[in-house]
Protein backbone atom coordinates (compact mmCIF):
# COMPACT_ATOMS: atom_id res chain seq x y z
CA MET A 1 -0.05 -0.01 -0.03
CA TYR A 2 1.07 3.66 -0.53
CA GLN A 3 3.45 5.02 2.08
CA TYR A 4 3.71 8.69 2.82
CA ASP A 5 6.86 10.56 1.99
CA ASN A 6 8.15 13.52 3.90
CA TYR A 7 5.95 15.85 1.92
CA ASP A 8 2.80 13.85 2.61
CA GLN A 9 3.55 13.53 6.35
CA THR A 10 4.49 17.16 6.71
CA MET A 11 1.32 18.25 4.91
CA VAL A 12 -0.92 16.23 7.30
CA GLU A 13 0.91 17.37 10.42
CA GLN A 14 0.72 21.02 9.39
CA ARG A 15 -3.05 20.60 8.86
CA VAL A 16 -3.40 19.11 12.38
CA ALA A 17 -1.58 22.01 13.88
CA GLN A 18 -3.74 24.45 11.83
CA TYR A 19 -6.91 22.88 12.99
CA ARG A 20 -5.83 22.72 16.65
CA ASP A 21 -5.42 26.47 16.54
CA GLN A 22 -8.79 26.94 14.81
CA THR A 23 -10.51 24.82 17.53
CA ARG A 24 -8.75 26.77 20.21
CA ARG A 25 -9.90 30.11 18.75
CA PHE A 26 -13.44 28.82 18.37
CA LEU A 27 -13.67 27.54 21.94
CA ALA A 28 -12.16 30.91 23.13
CA GLY A 29 -14.90 32.79 21.28
CA GLU A 30 -12.55 34.25 18.66
CA LEU A 31 -14.30 32.47 15.84
CA THR A 32 -18.09 32.46 15.39
CA GLU A 33 -19.92 29.15 14.57
CA GLU A 34 -20.51 30.50 11.10
CA GLN A 35 -16.74 31.00 10.67
CA PHE A 36 -15.74 27.75 12.27
CA ARG A 37 -18.24 25.54 10.34
CA PRO A 38 -16.35 25.35 7.07
CA LEU A 39 -13.09 24.83 8.86
CA ARG A 40 -14.35 21.81 10.81
CA LEU A 41 -15.99 20.36 7.79
CA MET A 42 -12.67 20.52 5.93
CA ASN A 43 -11.36 18.18 8.63
CA GLY A 44 -14.21 15.76 8.58
CA LEU A 45 -16.16 17.05 11.75
CA TYR A 46 -19.93 17.30 11.76
CA ILE A 47 -22.18 18.34 14.63
CA GLN A 48 -24.94 15.76 15.01
CA ILE A 49 -27.92 15.26 17.34
CA HIS A 50 -25.97 14.01 20.42
CA ALA A 51 -22.38 14.87 19.79
CA PRO A 52 -19.84 15.78 17.07
CA MET A 53 -19.19 13.10 14.53
CA LEU A 54 -15.70 12.78 13.00
CA ARG A 55 -15.23 11.03 9.60
CA ILE A 56 -11.81 9.77 8.67
CA ALA A 57 -10.86 8.98 5.10
CA VAL A 58 -9.79 5.49 4.08
CA PRO A 59 -8.57 5.90 0.50
CA TYR A 60 -9.82 3.12 -1.68
CA GLY A 61 -10.65 1.14 1.48
CA LEU A 62 -7.13 -0.12 2.16
CA MET A 63 -5.66 -0.11 5.73
CA SER A 64 -2.66 -1.62 7.31
CA SER A 65 -2.74 -3.49 10.59
CA LYS A 66 -0.91 -0.73 12.27
CA GLN A 67 -3.58 1.75 11.13
CA VAL A 68 -6.43 -0.50 12.38
CA ARG A 69 -4.76 -0.75 15.79
CA LYS A 70 -4.52 3.02 15.96
CA ILE A 71 -8.24 3.22 15.04
CA ALA A 72 -8.98 0.90 17.93
CA GLU A 73 -6.83 2.91 20.33
CA VAL A 74 -8.28 6.34 19.54
CA SER A 75 -11.82 5.03 19.57
CA ARG A 76 -11.25 3.45 22.95
CA LYS A 77 -9.53 6.58 24.32
CA TYR A 78 -11.62 9.33 22.86
CA ASP A 79 -14.98 7.73 21.95
CA ARG A 80 -17.20 4.91 23.27
CA GLY A 81 -15.12 1.93 22.06
CA TYR A 82 -16.43 1.39 18.56
CA VAL A 83 -16.32 2.95 15.06
CA HIS A 84 -18.73 2.82 12.09
CA PHE A 85 -17.71 1.99 8.57
CA THR A 86 -19.49 3.79 5.83
CA THR A 87 -20.57 3.16 2.20
CA ARG A 88 -17.53 5.35 1.16
CA THR A 89 -15.10 2.90 2.98
CA ASN A 90 -14.41 5.72 5.55
CA PHE A 91 -14.90 5.23 9.29
CA GLN A 92 -16.76 7.51 11.69
CA MET A 93 -16.56 8.18 15.37
CA ASN A 94 -19.89 9.14 16.77
CA TRP A 95 -19.14 10.48 20.26
CA PRO A 96 -15.81 12.52 20.29
CA THR A 97 -15.79 15.81 22.13
CA LEU A 98 -15.14 18.96 20.14
CA GLU A 99 -12.00 19.82 22.09
CA SER A 100 -10.57 16.27 21.71
CA VAL A 101 -10.70 16.18 17.89
CA PRO A 102 -7.29 17.83 17.30
CA ASP A 103 -5.68 15.21 19.60
CA ILE A 104 -7.51 12.42 17.66
CA LEU A 105 -6.24 13.84 14.28
CA ALA A 106 -2.73 14.14 15.72
CA GLU A 107 -2.67 10.52 16.76
CA LEU A 108 -4.12 9.34 13.40
CA ALA A 109 -1.53 11.41 11.55
CA THR A 110 1.22 9.16 13.07
CA VAL A 111 -0.24 6.30 10.97
CA GLN A 112 -0.95 8.27 7.80
CA MET A 113 -4.61 8.88 8.41
CA HIS A 114 -6.65 12.08 8.44
CA GLY A 115 -10.07 13.60 7.94
CA ILE A 116 -9.03 15.99 5.17
CA GLN A 117 -11.72 16.42 2.52
CA SER A 118 -13.93 13.68 4.05
CA SER A 119 -16.66 16.38 4.10
CA GLY A 120 -17.36 19.72 2.62
CA ASN A 121 -17.88 20.87 -0.98
CA CYS A 122 -14.68 19.37 -2.30
CA ILE A 123 -13.32 16.22 -4.00
CA ARG A 124 -14.02 13.38 -1.48
CA ASN A 125 -12.31 10.20 -0.79
CA THR A 126 -11.79 8.19 -3.98
CA THR A 127 -13.06 4.70 -3.84
CA SER A 128 -12.60 1.46 -5.69
CA ASP A 129 -13.34 -2.30 -5.82
CA GLN A 130 -12.60 -4.07 -2.54
CA LEU A 131 -11.12 -6.92 -4.60
CA ALA A 132 -8.78 -4.60 -6.46
CA GLY A 133 -5.39 -6.28 -7.17
CA VAL A 134 -6.52 -9.78 -6.17
CA SER A 135 -9.41 -10.46 -8.53
CA ALA A 136 -8.82 -12.79 -11.50
CA ASP A 137 -11.14 -10.86 -13.79
CA GLU A 138 -9.23 -7.60 -13.48
CA ILE A 139 -7.85 -5.84 -16.51
CA GLU A 140 -5.50 -3.78 -14.32
CA ASP A 141 -5.28 -2.88 -10.64
CA PRO A 142 -7.15 0.39 -10.18
CA ARG A 143 -5.60 1.28 -6.81
CA PRO A 144 -2.55 3.14 -8.24
CA TRP A 145 -4.91 5.32 -10.23
CA CYS A 146 -6.98 6.04 -7.12
CA GLU A 147 -3.81 7.07 -5.38
CA ILE A 148 -2.80 9.31 -8.31
CA ILE A 149 -6.23 10.96 -8.05
CA ARG A 150 -5.90 11.32 -4.27
CA GLN A 151 -2.60 13.08 -4.59
CA TRP A 152 -3.88 15.42 -7.35
CA SER A 153 -7.12 16.31 -5.60
CA THR A 154 -5.90 16.78 -1.96
CA PHE A 155 -5.72 20.60 -1.38
CA HIS A 156 -6.34 21.30 -5.04
CA PRO A 157 -6.75 25.09 -4.81
CA GLU A 158 -9.33 25.33 -7.59
CA PHE A 159 -11.68 22.74 -6.20
CA ALA A 160 -11.77 23.44 -2.43
CA TYR A 161 -15.13 25.28 -2.78
CA LEU A 162 -17.13 23.45 -5.46
CA PRO A 163 -20.91 23.93 -5.76
CA ARG A 164 -21.37 20.60 -3.89
CA LYS A 165 -19.36 17.56 -2.79
CA PHE A 166 -17.75 15.54 -5.61
CA LYS A 167 -17.08 11.75 -5.63
CA ILE A 168 -14.95 9.64 -8.01
CA ALA A 169 -14.67 5.83 -8.15
CA VAL A 170 -12.35 3.63 -10.23
CA ILE A 171 -12.65 -0.01 -11.16
CA GLY A 172 -10.59 -2.40 -13.25
CA THR A 173 -13.20 -5.14 -13.98
CA LYS A 174 -16.46 -5.46 -15.98
CA GLU A 175 -18.19 -6.34 -12.75
CA ASP A 176 -18.92 -3.18 -10.81
CA ARG A 177 -18.14 -3.70 -7.14
CA ALA A 178 -17.77 0.02 -6.49
CA ALA A 179 -21.08 1.48 -7.70
CA THR A 180 -19.27 3.69 -10.21
CA GLN A 181 -22.45 4.64 -12.10
CA LEU A 182 -23.64 6.38 -8.93
CA HIS A 183 -20.61 8.71 -8.74
CA ASP A 184 -20.06 12.23 -10.03
CA ILE A 185 -17.33 10.64 -12.07
CA GLY A 186 -16.92 6.90 -12.65
CA LEU A 187 -13.74 5.51 -14.25
CA HIS A 188 -13.60 2.07 -15.81
CA LEU A 189 -10.29 0.66 -16.99
CA VAL A 190 -10.91 -0.78 -20.50
CA LYS A 191 -9.08 -1.96 -23.55
CA ASN A 192 -9.54 -0.24 -26.95
CA HIS A 193 -9.51 -1.99 -30.36
CA GLU A 194 -5.71 -1.77 -30.46
CA GLY A 195 -5.45 -3.56 -27.11
CA GLU A 196 -4.35 -0.46 -25.24
CA THR A 197 -5.53 0.07 -21.73
CA GLY A 198 -7.23 3.36 -20.84
CA PHE A 199 -10.36 4.73 -19.17
CA GLU A 200 -13.99 4.82 -20.06
CA VAL A 201 -15.29 7.99 -18.34
CA LEU A 202 -18.77 8.34 -16.90
CA VAL A 203 -20.15 11.60 -15.54
CA GLY A 204 -23.27 12.79 -13.74
CA GLY A 205 -24.19 9.87 -11.50
CA GLY A 206 -25.51 10.27 -7.99
CA LEU A 207 -28.12 9.35 -5.40
CA GLY A 208 -30.00 11.61 -2.88
CA ARG A 209 -33.11 13.44 -3.73
CA THR A 210 -32.69 13.04 -7.47
CA PRO A 211 -31.04 9.62 -8.15
CA ILE A 212 -29.38 9.48 -11.62
CA LEU A 213 -27.12 6.99 -13.29
CA GLY A 214 -23.90 8.25 -14.83
CA GLN A 215 -23.50 8.51 -18.57
CA VAL A 216 -20.44 7.89 -20.73
CA ILE A 217 -18.83 11.19 -21.62
CA ARG A 218 -15.77 9.68 -23.27
CA PRO A 219 -15.51 5.95 -24.16
CA PHE A 220 -11.72 5.80 -24.15
CA LEU A 221 -9.22 8.11 -22.50
CA GLU A 222 -5.42 7.56 -22.61
CA LYS A 223 -3.86 7.02 -19.27
CA LYS A 224 -1.52 10.05 -19.71
CA ASP A 225 -4.54 12.26 -19.94
CA LEU A 226 -6.37 11.16 -16.84
CA LEU A 227 -5.73 14.13 -14.63
CA SER A 228 -6.15 16.78 -17.37
CA TYR A 229 -9.50 15.29 -18.36
CA LEU A 230 -10.69 15.10 -14.78
CA GLU A 231 -9.59 18.70 -14.23
CA ALA A 232 -11.48 19.77 -17.40
CA ILE A 233 -14.69 18.22 -16.08
CA LEU A 234 -14.25 19.89 -12.65
CA ARG A 235 -13.59 23.24 -14.21
CA VAL A 236 -16.77 23.14 -16.27
CA TYR A 237 -18.71 22.00 -13.19
CA ASN A 238 -17.20 24.67 -11.11
CA ARG A 239 -18.45 27.30 -13.55
CA LEU A 240 -21.89 25.87 -14.32
CA GLY A 241 -22.88 24.16 -11.10
CA ARG A 242 -25.67 25.82 -9.24
CA ARG A 243 -24.91 27.58 -5.99
CA ASP A 244 -28.33 29.02 -5.39
CA ASN A 245 -29.85 25.65 -4.30
CA LYS A 246 -27.83 22.87 -2.66
CA TYR A 247 -30.39 20.27 -3.74
CA LYS A 248 -29.65 21.12 -7.39
CA ALA A 249 -25.95 21.70 -6.99
CA ARG A 250 -24.47 18.24 -7.83
CA ILE A 251 -23.04 17.69 -11.31
CA LYS A 252 -25.79 15.20 -12.05
CA ILE A 253 -28.23 18.19 -12.12
CA THR A 254 -25.73 20.27 -14.21
CA VAL A 255 -25.55 17.46 -16.77
CA ARG A 256 -29.34 16.97 -16.80
CA GLU A 257 -30.11 20.77 -17.15
CA HIS A 258 -27.44 21.35 -19.93
CA GLY A 259 -27.44 17.93 -21.60
CA LEU A 260 -24.61 15.47 -21.89
CA SER A 261 -23.75 16.61 -25.39
CA HIS A 262 -23.36 20.23 -24.47
CA ILE A 263 -21.33 19.23 -21.25
CA ARG A 264 -19.09 17.11 -23.44
CA GLU A 265 -18.44 19.95 -25.84
CA LEU A 266 -17.50 22.26 -22.95
CA VAL A 267 -15.26 19.66 -21.33
CA GLU A 268 -13.50 18.79 -24.62
CA ALA A 269 -12.94 22.63 -25.28
CA GLU A 270 -11.54 23.13 -21.82
CA TRP A 271 -9.40 20.03 -22.12
CA VAL A 272 -7.70 21.39 -25.29
CA HIS A 273 -6.37 24.28 -23.26
CA ILE A 274 -4.90 22.31 -20.39
CA ARG A 275 -4.18 18.88 -21.81
CA LYS A 276 -0.46 19.45 -22.44
CA GLN A 277 0.07 21.15 -19.10
CA LEU A 278 -0.98 18.19 -16.97
CA VAL A 279 0.38 15.00 -18.55
CA LEU A 280 0.89 11.84 -16.57
CA ASP A 281 4.28 10.53 -17.71
CA ASP A 282 5.55 6.98 -17.38
CA LYS A 283 7.87 7.97 -14.60
CA GLU A 284 5.14 9.37 -12.34
CA ILE A 285 2.82 6.39 -13.05
CA ALA A 286 5.66 3.90 -12.23
CA ARG A 287 6.45 5.88 -9.00
CA VAL A 288 2.96 5.19 -7.67
CA LYS A 289 2.60 1.70 -9.03
CA GLN A 290 5.65 0.62 -7.08
CA TYR A 291 3.56 0.71 -3.94
CA PHE A 292 1.06 -1.86 -5.30
CA THR A 293 3.27 -4.70 -6.39
CA GLU A 294 2.19 -8.26 -5.64
CA PRO A 295 3.33 -9.66 -2.26
CA ALA A 296 5.43 -12.84 -2.07
CA TYR A 297 2.74 -15.58 -2.51
CA GLU A 298 3.80 -19.09 -1.59
CA ALA A 299 3.59 -21.55 -4.50
CA THR A 300 3.14 -24.47 -2.06
CA ALA A 301 -0.15 -23.00 -0.80
CA ALA A 302 -2.04 -24.57 -3.72
CA ASN A 303 -1.04 -28.03 -2.47
CA ASP A 304 -2.74 -27.76 0.96
CA VAL A 305 -5.58 -30.28 1.15
CA SER A 306 -6.74 -29.40 4.66
CA PHE A 307 -9.14 -26.79 3.31
CA ALA A 308 -11.33 -29.36 1.57
CA GLN A 309 -11.07 -31.70 4.51
CA MET A 310 -12.20 -29.19 7.04
CA GLN A 311 -15.18 -28.19 4.99
CA ALA A 312 -16.20 -31.83 4.75
CA GLU A 313 -15.86 -32.28 8.52
CA ASP A 314 -17.47 -29.03 9.81
CA ALA A 315 -20.75 -27.88 8.31
CA ALA A 316 -20.62 -24.47 10.00
CA PHE A 317 -17.24 -23.77 8.54
CA ALA A 318 -18.36 -24.99 5.06
CA ARG A 319 -21.28 -22.57 5.34
CA TRP A 320 -19.05 -19.64 6.19
CA VAL A 321 -16.78 -20.51 3.30
CA LYS A 322 -19.69 -20.55 0.86
CA GLN A 323 -21.04 -17.23 1.97
CA ASN A 324 -17.96 -15.21 3.03
CA VAL A 325 -15.07 -16.55 1.08
CA VAL A 326 -14.38 -15.75 -2.66
CA ALA A 327 -11.76 -16.74 -5.23
CA HIS A 328 -8.35 -15.21 -5.42
CA LYS A 329 -6.29 -14.80 -8.59
CA VAL A 330 -3.49 -16.81 -7.10
CA ALA A 331 -3.99 -20.57 -6.66
CA GLY A 332 -4.00 -21.62 -3.07
CA TYR A 333 -5.19 -18.23 -1.67
CA LYS A 334 -8.67 -16.94 -0.90
CA ILE A 335 -10.34 -13.68 0.05
CA ALA A 336 -12.26 -13.73 3.37
CA TYR A 337 -15.01 -11.27 4.18
CA ILE A 338 -15.52 -10.23 7.85
CA SER A 339 -19.12 -9.40 8.19
CA LEU A 340 -19.95 -6.32 10.14
CA LYS A 341 -23.69 -7.34 10.05
CA ALA A 342 -24.00 -9.52 13.08
CA PRO A 343 -27.59 -10.00 14.17
CA LEU A 344 -29.00 -7.23 16.40
CA LEU A 345 -26.03 -4.93 15.98
CA PRO A 346 -25.95 -1.74 13.87
CA PRO A 347 -24.76 -2.54 10.34
CA GLY A 348 -21.10 -1.37 9.82
CA ASP A 349 -20.26 -1.05 13.56
CA VAL A 350 -17.20 -2.70 14.95
CA THR A 351 -15.75 -2.44 18.48
CA SER A 352 -12.25 -1.36 19.46
CA ASP A 353 -11.47 -4.90 20.79
CA GLN A 354 -12.68 -6.49 17.61
CA LEU A 355 -10.50 -4.07 15.54
CA ASP A 356 -7.50 -5.13 17.60
CA VAL A 357 -8.30 -8.79 16.75
CA VAL A 358 -8.74 -7.94 13.09
CA ALA A 359 -5.38 -6.29 13.03
CA ASP A 360 -3.71 -9.37 14.71
CA LEU A 361 -5.45 -11.71 12.25
CA ALA A 362 -4.28 -9.57 9.28
CA ASP A 363 -0.68 -9.86 10.46
CA GLU A 364 -1.03 -13.58 10.95
CA PHE A 365 -3.06 -14.57 7.87
CA SER A 366 -3.14 -11.71 5.35
CA MET A 367 0.19 -9.98 5.16
CA GLY A 368 -0.86 -7.16 7.36
CA GLU A 369 -3.49 -5.51 5.25
CA ILE A 370 -7.32 -5.03 5.87
CA ARG A 371 -9.88 -3.71 3.42
CA ALA A 372 -13.19 -1.97 3.86
CA SER A 373 -15.98 -2.51 1.29
CA HIS A 374 -18.71 -0.02 0.24
CA ASN A 375 -21.15 -2.59 1.64
CA GLN A 376 -19.84 -1.76 5.12
CA ASN A 377 -17.91 -4.96 5.71
CA LEU A 378 -14.15 -5.70 6.18
CA LEU A 379 -12.06 -8.33 4.39
CA LEU A 380 -8.74 -10.04 4.40
CA SER A 381 -7.56 -10.33 0.85
CA ASP A 382 -4.54 -12.69 0.82
CA VAL A 383 -5.37 -15.77 3.05
CA LYS A 384 -3.84 -19.10 2.32
CA GLN A 385 -6.82 -21.54 1.97
CA GLY A 386 -5.07 -23.86 4.43
CA ASP A 387 -5.32 -21.13 7.04
CA LEU A 388 -8.99 -20.45 6.63
CA PHE A 389 -10.19 -22.86 9.31
CA ALA A 390 -7.92 -21.32 11.95
CA LEU A 391 -8.98 -17.83 10.81
CA TRP A 392 -12.66 -18.81 11.07
CA LEU A 393 -12.26 -20.13 14.57
CA ARG A 394 -10.72 -16.87 15.78
CA LEU A 395 -13.40 -14.83 14.00
CA GLN A 396 -16.08 -16.92 15.71
CA ALA A 397 -14.66 -16.31 19.14
CA GLU A 398 -14.97 -12.53 18.52
CA GLY A 399 -18.49 -12.47 17.01
CA LEU A 400 -17.09 -11.74 13.51
CA ALA A 401 -17.82 -14.93 11.65
CA THR A 402 -21.49 -14.25 10.73
CA ALA A 403 -21.94 -16.11 7.40
CA ASN A 404 -24.32 -13.67 5.81
CA ILE A 405 -22.43 -11.91 3.03
CA ASN A 406 -24.85 -11.22 0.12
CA THR A 407 -27.82 -12.37 1.97
CA MET A 408 -30.73 -10.22 3.12
CA ALA A 409 -29.05 -9.82 6.56
CA ASP A 410 -26.10 -8.14 4.81
CA MET A 411 -28.02 -4.79 4.86
CA ILE A 412 -26.78 -1.36 4.30
CA CYS A 413 -28.13 1.09 6.80
CA CYS A 414 -27.45 4.78 7.61
CA PRO A 415 -27.31 5.97 11.22
CA GLY A 416 -30.76 7.55 10.83
CA LEU A 417 -32.53 9.58 13.44
CA ASP A 418 -30.61 7.94 16.23
CA PHE A 419 -27.59 9.97 15.34
CA CYS A 420 -27.95 12.16 12.23
CA GLY A 421 -29.34 15.65 12.45
CA LEU A 422 -30.59 15.51 8.86
CA ALA A 423 -32.66 12.30 9.21
CA ASN A 424 -36.42 12.16 9.16
CA ALA A 425 -36.82 8.66 10.46
CA THR A 426 -34.86 5.90 12.24
CA SER A 427 -32.92 3.23 10.32
CA ILE A 428 -30.91 1.12 12.81
CA PRO A 429 -33.94 -0.13 14.81
CA LEU A 430 -35.67 -1.24 11.59
CA ALA A 431 -32.60 -3.28 10.58
CA LYS A 432 -32.65 -4.87 13.94
CA GLU A 433 -36.36 -5.81 13.62
CA ILE A 434 -35.83 -7.28 10.15
CA ASN A 435 -32.88 -9.28 11.47
CA GLU A 436 -35.06 -10.55 14.39
CA ARG A 437 -37.86 -11.58 12.12
CA PHE A 438 -35.39 -13.31 9.64
CA ASP A 439 -33.05 -15.08 12.02
CA ASP A 440 -32.86 -18.38 10.17
CA LEU A 441 -29.76 -18.36 7.96
CA ASP A 442 -30.83 -21.41 6.05
CA TYR A 443 -34.01 -19.56 5.05
CA LEU A 444 -31.87 -16.61 3.92
CA TYR A 445 -29.62 -18.83 1.90
CA ASP A 446 -32.70 -20.22 0.05
CA LEU A 447 -33.71 -16.68 -0.77
CA GLY A 448 -30.34 -15.90 -2.28
CA ASP A 449 -28.91 -12.45 -2.94
CA ILE A 450 -31.28 -9.82 -1.73
CA LYS A 451 -29.93 -6.38 -1.05
CA ILE A 452 -31.91 -4.31 1.41
CA LYS A 453 -30.83 -0.72 1.88
CA ILE A 454 -32.39 1.61 4.48
CA SER A 455 -31.94 5.37 4.59
CA GLY A 456 -33.41 7.77 7.13
CA CYS A 457 -33.72 10.75 4.70
CA MET A 458 -33.61 11.75 1.09
CA ASN A 459 -29.85 12.21 1.14
CA GLY A 460 -29.71 8.49 0.63
CA CYS A 461 -26.45 7.71 2.48
CA ALA A 462 -27.46 3.95 2.45
CA HIS A 463 -28.15 3.95 -1.30
CA GLN A 464 -31.75 2.92 -1.00
CA SER A 465 -32.51 4.02 -4.51
CA VAL A 466 -30.38 1.12 -5.86
CA GLY A 467 -31.49 -1.52 -3.30
CA HIS A 468 -33.19 -4.60 -4.50
CA ILE A 469 -35.57 -3.52 -1.76
CA GLY A 470 -35.03 0.14 -0.86
CA ILE A 471 -36.53 1.62 2.26
CA LEU A 472 -36.62 5.45 2.67
CA GLY A 473 -37.69 7.21 5.85
CA VAL A 474 -40.04 10.14 5.46
CA ASP A 475 -41.67 12.52 7.92
CA LYS A 476 -45.43 12.83 8.01
CA LYS A 477 -46.58 15.47 10.48
CA GLY A 478 -43.94 14.33 13.02
CA GLU A 479 -44.46 10.64 12.46
CA GLU A 480 -42.05 8.18 10.80
CA TRP A 481 -43.21 6.59 7.59
CA TYR A 482 -41.25 4.68 4.95
CA GLN A 483 -41.30 4.71 1.19
CA PHE A 484 -40.46 1.39 -0.56
CA THR A 485 -38.76 0.96 -3.93
CA LEU A 486 -38.03 -2.35 -5.76
CA GLY A 487 -35.60 -3.48 -8.46
CA GLY A 488 -32.60 -1.21 -7.96
CA SER A 489 -29.08 -2.26 -8.50
CA SER A 490 -25.63 -0.58 -8.12
CA GLU A 491 -23.70 -3.13 -10.11
CA ALA A 492 -22.73 -3.37 -13.75
CA ASP A 493 -26.50 -3.76 -14.65
CA ALA A 494 -27.36 -0.68 -12.56
CA SER A 495 -30.87 0.47 -12.32
CA LEU A 496 -32.90 2.79 -10.03
CA GLY A 497 -35.62 1.16 -7.93
CA GLU A 498 -39.30 1.78 -8.89
CA ARG A 499 -41.49 3.26 -6.24
CA LEU A 500 -43.89 0.65 -4.89
CA GLY A 501 -46.66 3.01 -3.81
CA ARG A 502 -47.65 5.30 -0.91
CA ALA A 503 -45.53 5.41 2.25
CA ILE A 504 -46.00 2.76 4.92
CA PRO A 505 -46.15 3.49 8.68
CA LYS A 506 -43.22 2.40 10.83
CA ASP A 507 -45.02 -0.47 12.59
CA GLU A 508 -45.87 -2.04 9.22
CA VAL A 509 -42.45 -1.98 7.62
CA VAL A 510 -41.20 -5.45 8.71
CA ASP A 511 -44.59 -7.02 7.72
CA THR A 512 -44.22 -5.40 4.26
CA VAL A 513 -40.79 -6.99 3.87
CA VAL A 514 -42.39 -10.31 4.80
CA THR A 515 -45.10 -9.76 2.16
CA LEU A 516 -42.57 -8.85 -0.50
CA LEU A 517 -40.67 -12.05 0.12
CA GLU A 518 -43.76 -14.15 0.04
CA VAL A 519 -44.68 -12.82 -3.33
CA PHE A 520 -41.14 -13.42 -4.57
CA LYS A 521 -41.11 -16.99 -3.35
CA GLU A 522 -44.45 -17.63 -5.23
CA LEU A 523 -43.36 -15.94 -8.52
CA ARG A 524 -39.67 -17.01 -8.78
CA HIS A 525 -38.50 -19.56 -11.21
CA GLU A 526 -36.23 -22.25 -9.84
CA ASP A 527 -33.16 -20.62 -8.24
CA GLU A 528 -34.17 -17.27 -9.69
CA LEU A 529 -32.78 -14.31 -7.65
CA PHE A 530 -34.99 -11.54 -6.30
CA LEU A 531 -33.79 -8.86 -8.65
CA ALA A 532 -34.32 -11.12 -11.72
CA THR A 533 -37.90 -11.88 -10.58
CA VAL A 534 -38.76 -8.20 -10.09
CA ARG A 535 -37.35 -7.38 -13.49
CA ARG A 536 -39.26 -10.20 -15.14
CA VAL A 537 -42.65 -9.70 -13.62
CA GLY A 538 -42.52 -5.97 -12.67
CA ILE A 539 -43.59 -4.43 -9.40
CA ASP A 540 -47.41 -4.76 -9.83
CA PRO A 541 -47.75 -8.21 -8.22
CA PHE A 542 -45.85 -6.95 -5.14
CA LYS A 543 -47.81 -3.74 -5.12
CA GLU A 544 -51.17 -5.48 -5.22
CA ARG A 545 -50.26 -7.78 -2.30
CA VAL A 546 -48.77 -5.03 -0.06
CA TYR A 547 -51.77 -2.71 -0.53
CA ALA A 548 -54.49 -5.42 -0.78
CA ASP A 549 -56.11 -4.58 2.54
CA ASN A 550 -55.99 -0.79 2.12
C-alpha cells in the first residue's frame, strides 16, 4: 500500500496544527460558529444530534494492521469503544468531544490517516473495488490510479469550494463492485480496439433526492490524460454548477439541465487548453505503481488439502466459506469477508477490541492488510486456503464470523434519526427488527442475494435508490413513515428502484418486507434471484399484495 513521503507527512501534520489552533480560537470565542463551520467540515467534523461526528478517510478502502490498531486505540481513548464503517469505506466516530478532535487527528496522523476532504464541498475520498489487485477478472489494478487521483485532488486550490461535494470511483473489472455509475465521475479501466488500456469515463451519477445513473462522456481516454480530463470536467462543473440551491448543485443536475452533449463539448474545449500542461508521464505512473506490487505468494499454498477436509468435517465452517469466502487470482489463496452485520448490531459497527483482533489476524493470515468495502464490511484479501479454518475459529470467538455476505441480513443502513441531524426517521431499529424476524440463515440462503438498503432521509447515504428493496424514511406530521422501492441495482446492470406505492407506517415496515418475500417465493423460477424476478414480472404483483387490505 502507498506509504507517505516527507511531503505527505508534513502536509498532514501541518493541517493538524492548523486545525488545533482553529479549534482553540473557536472555543475561546474568537471564531463564530459560522466562521468555524467550514473549517471543521474541511477536517471531517460534523455536529450531530448528540455529539460531534468525526469522519476519517480510508482511501480506496485499504488499511494496514498498524492503522487499524490506531483506530482501535483512539476510539477506545476518545470515543465509546467502537467505530462505524460507511458506504464510502471511511470510518466514523460518533461520540468525540469537540475539544478532543485535534488530539485524535494528531494521533491518526502518526499512521498516515486524516479527515481532510472527508466532508465539505470538495473532491471526497476516491473509492474502488474491494477486490482490487486480487481479482482474477481484472484488466488492471485500479488502486494506483486512485492514489494518483488522491494526490492530485488533495488541497487542489481550484476545487476546495465546489458547488457541492464531488465523488470519484475507479474499477478495473467489468463487474462493478464500487457503484461507479452512482458517482459524479466513474472511471472504468478498459481496452480499446488496439489492445491499449485506458479509461471509459462516466459523468453525472448520484443518489440523494434526485437519483441519476452516470453517462459515458468519453468511451476511451489515454492514461496520460487522466488528470487533465478530470480537471477539465471539474472546471466546467465549477463554472456551471448551481450555488443557489444545494439540492440542485450536484453535477448530475448540471448534466441534466445542460444535456450530456453540451457538457461534453464544454469539457473537450476546456481540455484542449490544459491537456499538455498536466500530462501523466510513465515515470510518475511507475512511482505510484511501485507501492502496489504483488506480495510474495507461496507456491506451495495450492497443495494444501486441509481446506477441503475441514469443509467436509465441519458444516458451519463450510457454510461460512460458501457465503464469506471468494476466489483469489493466485492458486491456493482466498479472500475472506469479515461481516460487520452480526444480528441485532448496527450494520457497519465494529468495536475497538474487535479491531485489535482484526489487526492481529491480518498480520497472521493476510500480510498485514485489511480492506473496507462499500457494503460496510471488512475483508482479508490474501489468506492461504489452508489457514481459513484457523481464521474462522478466531473470528467466531470474537463475534465476527457471521456467514451472511450477500444475504438479506447483509443490509446497508445509515445511522438515521438515532444519530444524524438530517434524518427524518430511524434506520438502525428497523434493521434490527428485520434481522429478528429473519433469524434463520438457512432460510436466507434459500432466498439468495437480496440487497436491502435503509436510509433515514432523502440524502440516501445507504443507497436505498439502488437497493433490490429500498426503504426510505419520510416525515409525515412528526411521524415516521417509509417509502419502498423495488428493483434497484448498483452493479454493472445498474438500475434505479421503482416506487412501490404510498408510504407505509413504521409499525408495518417489517410485515411489508415479509409480504414482498412471500410474493417473490411464489413467482420466482427455480433458483431465480429476487432482482431477476422483479425485473421479469414488474412491481405490480408486489404492489397489489402489499396494498391489498387498504
